[in-house]
Amino acid sequence: MTKKSRSSISPVSRSGRFASSPSAEVAAFSESISFDWRLWRHDILGSKAHALMLAKIGILSPRECSSIIRALEAIGREIAAGRFLWKPEFEDVHMNLEVELTRRTPAGAKLHTGRSRNDQVALDVRLWLRDEISALTLDIHSLQRSFVSLASRNASVLIPGYTHLQRAQPVFFAHHLLAYVEMLERDCQRLSDCSSRVNVCPLGSGAIAGSTLPLDREEVARLLGFVDSRGRPRLTQNSMDAVSDRDYVVEFVSSVALVAVHLSRLSEDIILWATTEFSFITIVDSYTTGSSLMPQKKNPDIAELTRGKSCRVIGNLVSLLTLLKGLPMTYNRDLQEDKERLFDSADTVRSCVRIMSSMLDHVTVQSARCLEAASDPLLLATDLADYLVRKGMPFRHAHHAVGAVVAMAEKFCKPLDRITLPEFQSVSSLFSKDVLEVFNLNRAMLRRKSTGSPGTKEVLARLRHWDRALA
């Protein structure tokens, strides 16, 4: 954040109805400039569009409009350079910019014609969110590419797939990673859906009931890019809803909360895979930390912090829903509390997405250890049941028969693929000498041919798909 001053309390945002300025205690309690300063680019953008519209309808002269736009652009350059002095006594980003604009050009006093801070903040947040969704989507695509790159480098590596955190069936490591690519693609789709509802212009709604002036809301919407695919302006249709609506904020935070949940699940996998017990992966030293006491430790703190930060984003969503649930129409000052939750969610998720992408680029897969784990013949017990099904046995009977074979293997303390043919046939006469071919892991993966399965050809095809889609 750029500089702040401690100048005296100003009544700028108060009407002539008040005999005095708010107390210092009230001003400190109610200010939002400490966090909403980051809307400055969008506030200036909205103000420039509003000025152009006011000039079009004759409220501003061309000279006044030019003066306002030049001053706003100069203020923007100062903010970007870190030279602008934010003043808490002016409460928020809107009043800070308006006061400074009016100081630089008398025409600035006309800029607030036909608008309220109520529709102004709704506009700024929509503009900010539109940019944020675009940037986050690009970050997610980068993370998806990191998944695909790691999967492609290890396309032939097999690992056990798990249910209930117990070994279940063999899968390609790439198939496991691509599951997250699919999750993240749904996240991008949700963000795109959210963006369509964000991209609606509320400016011109005033504080609650619009304006008696001939405002050209369509012109402002076009200037700010609030248009549909055919270039037609998209406007809020109810002034009361326009200033009190925060559904789009909740929808965004809900979407990124699900991103955070997906990253948390990924983190759990990485943490497990990096343990000595699993040893499926090694994370480069620069993306791990040590212990202050135990010199041998190498901790996956990036994954653990990401898993922990998901709680913040989920909490922000709950806070927003609770904030809104009891508010009467229309704008209430409670809504000031939405921004910190919104900003924190966006910042937290974007930082997690970026760091996880970088970390995945520095992961080495221990293929020999993965193969050792995936070679457990118990992982092919379901394939053994399928073998009996192909021989004509109903699946439920086949499931029971293979369960009996597994119990026999445990009783005899030997692997499932070391059961002899007579032992197999003591359970079912449908077992024949080709039964041991079931335990050929490579053939087992080739047999998986259905869409979405972890079959050899299917996984390679999906890798090619994502290479093209994310290029």
Protein backbone atom coordinates (compact mmCIF):
# COMPACT_ATOMS: atom_id res chain seq x y z
CA MET A 1 0.00 0.00 0.00
CA THR A 2 1.15 3.56 -0.66
CA LYS A 3 1.57 6.29 1.94
CA LYS A 4 -0.97 7.42 4.55
CA SER A 5 -1.18 10.73 6.37
CA ARG A 6 -2.48 11.72 9.78
CA SER A 7 -4.18 14.99 8.82
CA SER A 8 -7.22 16.32 10.63
CA ILE A 9 -10.73 14.95 10.23
CA SER A 10 -12.53 16.31 7.17
CA PRO A 11 -16.31 16.45 6.67
CA VAL A 12 -15.94 15.84 2.94
CA SER A 13 -18.21 12.81 2.87
CA ARG A 14 -20.82 14.39 5.16
CA SER A 15 -23.64 16.64 4.02
CA GLY A 16 -24.61 20.05 5.37
CA ARG A 17 -27.04 18.26 7.64
CA PHE A 18 -24.24 17.61 10.17
CA ALA A 19 -22.99 20.25 12.57
CA SER A 20 -19.65 18.55 13.18
CA SER A 21 -17.27 16.00 11.75
CA PRO A 22 -17.21 12.44 13.10
CA SER A 23 -15.04 11.87 16.11
CA ALA A 24 -11.56 10.52 15.61
CA GLU A 25 -12.70 7.27 17.22
CA VAL A 26 -15.61 6.90 14.80
CA ALA A 27 -13.42 7.79 11.82
CA ALA A 28 -10.83 5.17 12.79
CA PHE A 29 -13.52 2.54 13.32
CA SER A 30 -15.31 3.16 10.03
CA GLU A 31 -12.43 3.77 7.60
CA SER A 32 -11.85 1.26 4.81
CA ILE A 33 -8.96 2.90 2.97
CA SER A 34 -6.57 0.51 4.73
CA PHE A 35 -7.85 -2.26 2.44
CA ASP A 36 -10.00 -0.78 -0.34
CA TRP A 37 -7.13 1.37 -1.67
CA ARG A 38 -6.40 -1.51 -4.02
CA LEU A 39 -9.54 -0.61 -6.01
CA TRP A 40 -7.92 2.65 -7.14
CA ARG A 41 -7.31 1.63 -10.77
CA HIS A 42 -10.91 0.55 -11.18
CA ASP A 43 -12.28 3.59 -9.37
CA ILE A 44 -10.34 5.86 -11.72
CA LEU A 45 -11.48 3.84 -14.73
CA GLY A 46 -15.12 4.13 -13.63
CA SER A 47 -14.75 7.84 -12.95
CA LYS A 48 -13.31 8.50 -16.40
CA ALA A 49 -16.21 6.67 -18.04
CA HIS A 50 -18.70 8.54 -15.85
CA ALA A 51 -17.09 11.87 -16.79
CA LEU A 52 -17.32 11.08 -20.50
CA MET A 53 -20.98 10.19 -20.08
CA LEU A 54 -21.69 13.40 -18.11
CA ALA A 55 -20.07 15.37 -20.92
CA LYS A 56 -22.21 13.55 -23.49
CA ILE A 57 -25.43 14.55 -21.69
CA GLY A 58 -24.26 18.14 -21.12
CA ILE A 59 -23.53 18.10 -17.38
CA LEU A 60 -19.82 18.64 -18.04
CA SER A 61 -18.35 20.85 -20.75
CA PRO A 62 -15.71 19.30 -23.01
CA ARG A 63 -13.08 21.40 -21.24
CA GLU A 64 -14.25 20.24 -17.79
CA CYS A 65 -14.31 16.61 -18.91
CA SER A 66 -10.77 16.83 -20.30
CA SER A 67 -9.57 18.50 -17.11
CA ILE A 68 -11.07 15.72 -14.97
CA ILE A 69 -9.60 12.93 -17.10
CA ARG A 70 -6.14 14.52 -17.15
CA ALA A 71 -6.21 14.95 -13.36
CA LEU A 72 -7.40 11.38 -12.80
CA GLU A 73 -4.64 10.02 -15.02
CA ALA A 74 -2.04 12.09 -13.17
CA ILE A 75 -3.33 10.80 -9.82
CA GLY A 76 -3.15 7.26 -11.18
CA ARG A 77 0.49 7.71 -12.17
CA GLU A 78 1.31 8.97 -8.69
CA ILE A 79 -0.42 6.03 -7.03
CA ALA A 80 1.36 3.55 -9.31
CA ALA A 81 4.68 5.19 -8.41
CA GLY A 82 3.89 5.01 -4.67
CA ARG A 83 3.83 8.79 -4.22
CA PHE A 84 0.14 9.27 -3.44
CA LEU A 85 -0.84 10.09 0.14
CA TRP A 86 -3.86 8.06 1.28
CA LYS A 87 -5.76 9.85 4.04
CA PRO A 88 -7.78 7.74 6.51
CA GLU A 89 -9.98 10.70 7.42
CA PHE A 90 -11.50 10.53 3.92
CA GLU A 91 -12.71 7.03 4.78
CA ASP A 92 -12.29 5.12 1.54
CA VAL A 93 -10.68 4.98 -1.88
CA HIS A 94 -13.59 6.82 -3.49
CA MET A 95 -13.45 9.90 -1.28
CA ASN A 96 -9.64 9.99 -1.27
CA LEU A 97 -9.62 10.17 -5.05
CA GLU A 98 -12.51 12.61 -5.26
CA VAL A 99 -11.00 15.00 -2.75
CA GLU A 100 -7.66 14.98 -4.55
CA LEU A 101 -9.35 15.38 -7.93
CA THR A 102 -11.35 18.38 -6.70
CA ARG A 103 -8.19 19.91 -5.25
CA ARG A 104 -6.57 19.72 -8.67
CA THR A 105 -9.50 20.86 -10.79
CA PRO A 106 -12.70 22.67 -9.74
CA ALA A 107 -14.60 20.52 -12.25
CA GLY A 108 -13.96 17.56 -9.97
CA ALA A 109 -16.82 18.76 -7.77
CA LYS A 110 -19.22 17.87 -10.59
CA LEU A 111 -17.98 14.31 -11.07
CA HIS A 112 -20.21 12.78 -8.40
CA THR A 113 -23.31 13.99 -10.23
CA GLY A 114 -25.76 11.14 -10.68
CA ARG A 115 -23.81 8.54 -8.72
CA SER A 116 -23.47 7.36 -5.14
CA ARG A 117 -20.68 5.59 -3.38
CA ASN A 118 -23.15 2.72 -3.23
CA ASP A 119 -23.16 2.12 -6.98
CA GLN A 120 -19.56 3.30 -7.25
CA VAL A 121 -18.23 0.59 -4.97
CA ALA A 122 -20.40 -2.02 -6.67
CA LEU A 123 -18.86 -0.96 -9.97
CA ASP A 124 -15.29 -0.98 -8.65
CA VAL A 125 -15.60 -4.45 -7.16
CA ARG A 126 -17.09 -5.83 -10.36
CA LEU A 127 -14.28 -4.30 -12.41
CA TRP A 128 -11.66 -5.63 -9.96
CA LEU A 129 -13.21 -9.08 -9.91
CA ARG A 130 -13.36 -9.23 -13.68
CA ASP A 131 -9.59 -8.69 -13.84
CA GLU A 132 -8.95 -11.04 -10.92
CA ILE A 133 -10.91 -13.88 -12.49
CA SER A 134 -8.94 -13.50 -15.69
CA ALA A 135 -5.61 -13.52 -13.84
CA LEU A 136 -6.55 -16.46 -11.62
CA THR A 137 -7.70 -18.47 -14.63
CA LEU A 138 -4.29 -17.95 -16.24
CA ASP A 139 -2.61 -19.06 -12.98
CA ILE A 140 -4.75 -22.20 -12.90
CA HIS A 141 -3.86 -23.00 -16.52
CA SER A 142 -0.20 -22.68 -15.56
CA LEU A 143 -0.74 -25.15 -12.71
CA GLN A 144 -2.51 -27.52 -15.10
CA ARG A 145 0.50 -27.34 -17.43
CA SER A 146 2.78 -28.22 -14.51
CA PHE A 147 0.64 -31.30 -13.84
CA VAL A 148 0.72 -32.34 -17.49
CA SER A 149 4.48 -31.78 -17.72
CA LEU A 150 5.16 -33.90 -14.62
CA ALA A 151 2.76 -36.57 -15.90
CA SER A 152 4.37 -36.62 -19.35
CA ARG A 153 7.84 -37.01 -17.88
CA ASN A 154 6.58 -40.04 -15.96
CA ALA A 155 4.01 -41.44 -18.38
CA SER A 156 5.03 -45.08 -17.82
CA VAL A 157 5.19 -44.95 -14.01
CA LEU A 158 2.65 -47.08 -12.18
CA ILE A 159 1.49 -46.61 -8.60
CA PRO A 160 -1.21 -48.14 -6.44
CA GLY A 161 -4.49 -46.29 -6.60
CA TYR A 162 -6.09 -45.92 -3.17
CA THR A 163 -9.57 -46.00 -1.71
CA HIS A 164 -10.01 -45.47 2.03
CA LEU A 165 -6.22 -44.86 1.91
CA GLN A 166 -5.84 -48.60 1.29
CA ARG A 167 -4.23 -50.03 -1.82
CA ALA A 168 -6.98 -50.71 -4.37
CA GLN A 169 -5.95 -51.09 -8.03
CA PRO A 170 -2.95 -50.10 -10.16
CA VAL A 171 -3.08 -46.78 -11.99
CA PHE A 172 -0.58 -44.74 -13.91
CA PHE A 173 0.95 -41.91 -11.90
CA ALA A 174 0.01 -39.68 -14.84
CA HIS A 175 -3.63 -40.72 -14.51
CA HIS A 176 -3.60 -39.69 -10.85
CA LEU A 177 -2.15 -36.28 -11.75
CA LEU A 178 -4.61 -35.78 -14.58
CA ALA A 179 -7.45 -36.18 -12.10
CA TYR A 180 -6.36 -32.83 -10.66
CA VAL A 181 -6.19 -31.31 -14.14
CA GLU A 182 -9.84 -32.29 -14.60
CA MET A 183 -10.77 -30.76 -11.23
CA LEU A 184 -8.99 -27.53 -12.10
CA GLU A 185 -10.73 -27.40 -15.46
CA ARG A 186 -14.08 -27.44 -13.67
CA ASP A 187 -12.76 -24.64 -11.46
CA CYS A 188 -11.99 -22.59 -14.58
CA GLN A 189 -15.47 -23.27 -15.90
CA ARG A 190 -17.02 -22.11 -12.64
CA LEU A 191 -14.92 -18.94 -12.73
CA SER A 192 -16.03 -18.33 -16.30
CA ASP A 193 -19.66 -18.73 -15.27
CA CYS A 194 -19.08 -16.37 -12.36
CA SER A 195 -17.45 -13.84 -14.67
CA SER A 196 -20.58 -13.67 -16.81
CA ARG A 197 -22.58 -12.54 -13.79
CA VAL A 198 -19.85 -10.18 -12.62
CA ASN A 199 -19.83 -8.50 -16.01
CA VAL A 200 -22.95 -6.38 -15.44
CA CYS A 201 -22.75 -2.61 -14.93
CA PRO A 202 -24.46 -1.16 -11.82
CA LEU A 203 -23.38 2.47 -12.30
CA GLY A 204 -26.34 4.83 -12.58
CA SER A 205 -28.32 3.11 -9.85
CA GLY A 206 -27.44 5.88 -7.41
CA ALA A 207 -27.81 5.25 -3.71
CA ILE A 208 -31.04 3.28 -4.18
CA ALA A 209 -33.37 4.88 -6.73
CA GLY A 210 -31.36 5.98 -9.73
CA SER A 211 -31.36 9.64 -10.78
CA THR A 212 -33.69 12.24 -12.26
CA LEU A 213 -30.87 13.26 -14.62
CA PRO A 214 -30.78 11.79 -18.15
CA LEU A 215 -27.88 9.43 -17.40
CA ASP A 216 -26.75 7.26 -20.31
CA ARG A 217 -26.06 3.99 -18.49
CA GLU A 218 -25.62 2.12 -21.76
CA GLU A 219 -22.77 4.43 -22.79
CA VAL A 220 -20.94 3.87 -19.50
CA ALA A 221 -21.39 0.11 -19.80
CA ARG A 222 -19.93 0.14 -23.31
CA LEU A 223 -17.00 2.30 -22.26
CA LEU A 224 -16.18 -0.09 -19.40
CA GLY A 225 -16.61 -3.29 -21.41
CA PHE A 226 -19.80 -4.46 -19.73
CA VAL A 227 -21.11 -5.94 -22.95
CA ASP A 228 -22.29 -9.32 -24.21
CA SER A 229 -20.76 -11.32 -27.06
CA ARG A 230 -22.55 -9.09 -29.57
CA GLY A 231 -21.34 -5.85 -28.00
CA ARG A 232 -24.65 -4.98 -26.37
CA PRO A 233 -24.42 -3.28 -22.96
CA ARG A 234 -25.22 -5.40 -19.91
CA LEU A 235 -26.90 -3.36 -17.14
CA THR A 236 -28.37 -4.16 -13.76
CA GLN A 237 -32.16 -3.91 -14.07
CA ASN A 238 -33.16 -2.98 -10.52
CA SER A 239 -31.48 -0.09 -8.73
CA MET A 240 -32.15 -1.52 -5.27
CA ASP A 241 -30.70 -4.89 -6.16
CA ALA A 242 -27.75 -3.27 -7.97
CA VAL A 243 -26.40 -1.53 -4.87
CA SER A 244 -27.10 -4.30 -2.37
CA ASP A 245 -26.20 -7.35 -4.50
CA ARG A 246 -23.06 -9.20 -3.43
CA ASP A 247 -24.03 -12.53 -4.93
CA TYR A 248 -21.19 -12.22 -7.42
CA VAL A 249 -18.72 -11.82 -4.54
CA VAL A 250 -20.11 -14.90 -2.79
CA GLU A 251 -20.05 -16.84 -6.05
CA PHE A 252 -16.42 -15.94 -6.66
CA VAL A 253 -15.34 -16.80 -3.12
CA SER A 254 -17.32 -20.03 -3.35
CA SER A 255 -15.53 -20.91 -6.59
CA VAL A 256 -12.08 -20.18 -5.17
CA ALA A 257 -12.95 -22.04 -1.96
CA LEU A 258 -13.43 -25.12 -4.11
CA VAL A 259 -10.08 -24.41 -5.81
CA ALA A 260 -8.56 -24.27 -2.33
CA VAL A 261 -10.20 -27.59 -1.42
CA HIS A 262 -8.74 -29.18 -4.56
CA LEU A 263 -5.30 -27.81 -3.69
CA SER A 264 -5.69 -29.13 -0.16
CA ARG A 265 -6.45 -32.61 -1.47
CA LEU A 266 -3.42 -32.40 -3.74
CA SER A 267 -1.33 -31.28 -0.78
CA GLU A 268 -2.38 -34.34 1.19
CA ASP A 269 -1.30 -36.61 -1.66
CA ILE A 270 2.06 -34.85 -1.94
CA ILE A 271 2.63 -35.03 1.80
CA LEU A 272 1.94 -38.77 1.79
CA TRP A 273 4.00 -39.46 -1.33
CA ALA A 274 6.98 -37.60 0.15
CA THR A 275 7.03 -39.67 3.37
CA THR A 276 9.67 -42.34 3.92
CA GLU A 277 6.84 -44.87 4.12
CA PHE A 278 5.68 -44.05 0.58
CA SER A 279 8.83 -42.53 -1.00
CA PHE A 280 7.01 -42.07 -4.32
CA ILE A 281 8.42 -38.57 -4.88
CA THR A 282 11.29 -36.32 -3.86
CA ILE A 283 10.83 -32.57 -3.63
CA VAL A 284 13.87 -30.43 -4.36
CA ASP A 285 15.46 -28.90 -1.25
CA SER A 286 14.52 -25.33 -2.18
CA TYR A 287 10.82 -26.19 -1.88
CA THR A 288 11.10 -27.88 1.51
CA THR A 289 12.14 -26.81 5.01
CA GLY A 290 14.04 -28.37 7.88
CA SER A 291 13.59 -28.78 11.61
CA SER A 292 14.99 -26.50 14.29
CA LEU A 293 15.84 -29.59 16.34
CA MET A 294 16.08 -32.66 14.10
CA PRO A 295 18.83 -32.21 11.48
CA GLN A 296 17.65 -35.07 9.26
CA LYS A 297 14.20 -33.63 8.59
CA LYS A 298 13.00 -32.46 5.15
CA ASN A 299 9.44 -31.21 5.50
CA PRO A 300 6.90 -30.59 2.70
CA ASP A 301 5.87 -27.27 4.23
CA ILE A 302 4.59 -25.76 0.97
CA ALA A 303 1.97 -28.50 0.74
CA GLU A 304 1.16 -28.26 4.45
CA LEU A 305 0.71 -24.49 4.31
CA THR A 306 -1.48 -24.80 1.23
CA ARG A 307 -3.59 -27.38 3.02
CA GLY A 308 -3.86 -25.03 5.99
CA LYS A 309 -4.65 -21.91 3.96
CA SER A 310 -7.69 -23.62 2.47
CA CYS A 311 -9.34 -23.16 5.86
CA ARG A 312 -9.07 -19.36 5.52
CA VAL A 313 -10.81 -19.35 2.18
CA ILE A 314 -13.59 -21.63 3.39
CA GLY A 315 -13.96 -19.38 6.45
CA ASN A 316 -14.20 -16.30 4.24
CA LEU A 317 -17.07 -17.89 2.33
CA VAL A 318 -18.93 -18.64 5.56
CA SER A 319 -18.29 -15.07 6.75
CA LEU A 320 -19.76 -13.59 3.57
CA LEU A 321 -22.85 -15.76 3.69
CA THR A 322 -23.37 -14.86 7.34
CA LEU A 323 -22.80 -11.17 6.56
CA LEU A 324 -25.56 -11.14 3.96
CA LYS A 325 -28.19 -13.37 5.49
CA GLY A 326 -29.86 -10.77 7.73
CA LEU A 327 -29.50 -7.57 5.70
CA PRO A 328 -32.65 -5.68 4.72
CA MET A 329 -32.86 -3.89 1.38
CA THR A 330 -30.78 -2.10 0.22
CA TYR A 331 -27.26 -0.91 1.00
CA ASN A 332 -26.10 -1.29 4.59
CA ARG A 333 -22.68 -0.39 5.93
CA ASP A 334 -22.19 -4.03 6.89
CA LEU A 335 -21.31 -4.57 3.23
CA GLN A 336 -17.99 -2.81 3.81
CA GLU A 337 -16.92 -6.05 5.47
CA ASP A 338 -17.10 -7.97 2.20
CA LYS A 339 -13.85 -6.63 0.75
CA GLU A 340 -11.34 -7.99 3.21
CA ARG A 341 -12.90 -11.44 2.83
CA LEU A 342 -12.88 -11.10 -0.95
CA PHE A 343 -9.34 -9.76 -1.20
CA ASP A 344 -7.96 -12.35 1.21
CA SER A 345 -9.60 -15.21 -0.67
CA ALA A 346 -8.26 -14.05 -4.02
CA ASP A 347 -4.77 -13.39 -2.69
CA THR A 348 -4.58 -16.65 -0.77
CA VAL A 349 -5.76 -18.87 -3.60
CA ARG A 350 -3.63 -17.19 -6.25
CA SER A 351 -0.50 -17.50 -4.10
CA CYS A 352 -1.26 -21.18 -3.43
CA VAL A 353 -1.88 -21.92 -7.10
CA ARG A 354 1.38 -20.26 -8.14
CA ILE A 355 3.57 -21.89 -5.47
CA MET A 356 2.09 -25.34 -6.07
CA SER A 357 2.79 -24.97 -9.78
CA SER A 358 6.41 -24.06 -9.07
CA MET A 359 6.80 -26.92 -6.60
CA LEU A 360 5.44 -29.50 -9.06
CA ASP A 361 8.06 -28.34 -11.54
CA HIS A 362 10.68 -29.39 -8.96
CA VAL A 363 9.37 -32.86 -8.07
CA THR A 364 11.21 -36.07 -8.98
CA VAL A 365 9.26 -39.31 -9.15
CA GLN A 366 10.95 -42.39 -7.67
CA SER A 367 9.82 -44.77 -10.40
CA ALA A 368 11.46 -47.90 -8.98
CA ARG A 369 9.76 -47.45 -5.63
CA CYS A 370 6.43 -46.72 -7.35
CA LEU A 371 6.74 -49.91 -9.43
CA GLU A 372 7.55 -51.94 -6.34
CA ALA A 373 4.36 -50.73 -4.68
CA ALA A 374 2.25 -51.13 -7.84
CA SER A 375 3.49 -54.71 -8.32
CA ASP A 376 1.59 -55.94 -5.29
CA PRO A 377 -0.52 -58.75 -6.84
CA LEU A 378 -3.41 -57.94 -4.51
CA LEU A 379 -4.00 -54.84 -6.64
CA LEU A 380 -5.17 -57.18 -9.42
CA ALA A 381 -7.74 -59.03 -7.33
CA THR A 382 -10.55 -57.30 -9.21
CA ASP A 383 -8.91 -58.30 -12.50
CA LEU A 384 -9.00 -61.87 -11.20
CA ALA A 385 -12.74 -61.54 -10.61
CA ASP A 386 -13.12 -60.17 -14.16
CA TYR A 387 -11.24 -63.26 -15.38
CA LEU A 388 -13.94 -65.46 -13.85
CA VAL A 389 -16.68 -63.24 -15.29
CA ARG A 390 -15.22 -63.78 -18.76
CA LYS A 391 -15.43 -67.53 -18.03
CA GLY A 392 -19.18 -67.12 -17.41
CA MET A 393 -19.38 -66.74 -13.63
CA PRO A 394 -21.74 -64.02 -12.26
CA PHE A 395 -19.73 -61.14 -10.83
CA ARG A 396 -21.05 -61.53 -7.27
CA HIS A 397 -20.00 -65.18 -7.28
CA ALA A 398 -16.65 -64.25 -8.82
CA HIS A 399 -16.14 -61.59 -6.13
CA HIS A 400 -16.78 -64.20 -3.44
CA ALA A 401 -14.46 -66.75 -5.09
CA VAL A 402 -11.57 -64.30 -5.36
CA GLY A 403 -12.14 -63.29 -1.75
CA ALA A 404 -11.68 -66.96 -0.83
CA VAL A 405 -8.45 -67.09 -2.85
CA VAL A 406 -7.17 -63.97 -1.07
CA ALA A 407 -8.01 -65.54 2.29
CA MET A 408 -6.09 -68.66 1.21
CA ALA A 409 -3.07 -66.57 0.26
CA GLU A 410 -3.12 -64.87 3.64
CA LYS A 411 -3.47 -68.24 5.38
CA PHE A 412 -0.52 -69.70 3.45
CA CYS A 413 1.48 -66.44 3.90
CA LYS A 414 2.29 -66.09 0.23
CA PRO A 415 1.53 -63.52 -2.48
CA LEU A 416 -1.65 -63.91 -4.51
CA ASP A 417 0.31 -64.68 -7.70
CA ARG A 418 2.10 -67.58 -5.96
CA ILE A 419 -1.10 -69.55 -5.42
CA THR A 420 -0.79 -72.79 -7.40
CA LEU A 421 -3.27 -73.90 -10.04
CA PRO A 422 -4.60 -76.76 -7.86
CA GLU A 423 -5.13 -74.25 -5.04
CA PHE A 424 -7.01 -71.93 -7.42
CA GLN A 425 -9.11 -74.83 -8.66
CA SER A 426 -9.97 -75.86 -5.11
CA VAL A 427 -12.01 -72.64 -5.04
CA SER A 428 -13.44 -72.82 -8.58
CA SER A 429 -12.99 -75.20 -11.48
CA LEU A 430 -13.20 -72.21 -13.85
CA PHE A 431 -9.63 -71.30 -12.96
CA SER A 432 -7.29 -72.75 -15.60
CA LYS A 433 -3.59 -72.59 -16.38
CA ASP A 434 -3.93 -69.11 -17.95
CA VAL A 435 -4.94 -67.63 -14.58
CA LEU A 436 -1.43 -66.43 -13.76
CA GLU A 437 -1.46 -64.20 -16.87
CA VAL A 438 -3.86 -61.97 -14.93
CA PHE A 439 -0.92 -60.83 -12.82
CA ASN A 440 1.07 -59.42 -15.73
CA LEU A 441 0.90 -55.75 -14.80
CA ASN A 442 1.57 -54.33 -18.25
CA ARG A 443 -1.12 -56.51 -19.82
CA ALA A 444 -3.49 -55.55 -17.03
CA MET A 445 -3.08 -51.88 -17.92
CA LEU A 446 -3.54 -52.57 -21.64
CA ARG A 447 -6.85 -54.31 -20.86
CA ARG A 448 -8.26 -51.07 -19.46
CA LYS A 449 -9.77 -49.53 -22.58
CA SER A 450 -12.95 -47.72 -21.51
CA THR A 451 -13.15 -43.94 -21.71
CA GLY A 452 -11.67 -42.33 -18.60
CA SER A 453 -9.87 -45.46 -17.43
CA PRO A 454 -6.17 -45.60 -16.50
CA GLY A 455 -5.41 -47.80 -19.52
CA THR A 456 -2.06 -47.42 -21.25
CA LYS A 457 -3.44 -45.97 -24.49
CA GLU A 458 -6.18 -43.99 -22.75
CA VAL A 459 -3.76 -42.14 -20.47
CA LEU A 460 -1.43 -41.29 -23.36
CA ALA A 461 -4.40 -40.01 -25.36
CA ARG A 462 -5.52 -37.82 -22.48
CA LEU A 463 -2.01 -36.43 -22.07
CA ARG A 464 -2.03 -35.49 -25.75
CA HIS A 465 -5.45 -33.86 -25.28
CA TRP A 466 -4.26 -31.67 -22.42
CA ASP A 467 -1.04 -30.80 -24.24
CA ARG A 468 -3.16 -29.37 -27.03
CA ALA A 469 -5.79 -27.79 -24.80
CA LEU A 470 -3.25 -25.98 -22.61
CA ALA A 471 -0.83 -24.97 -25.36
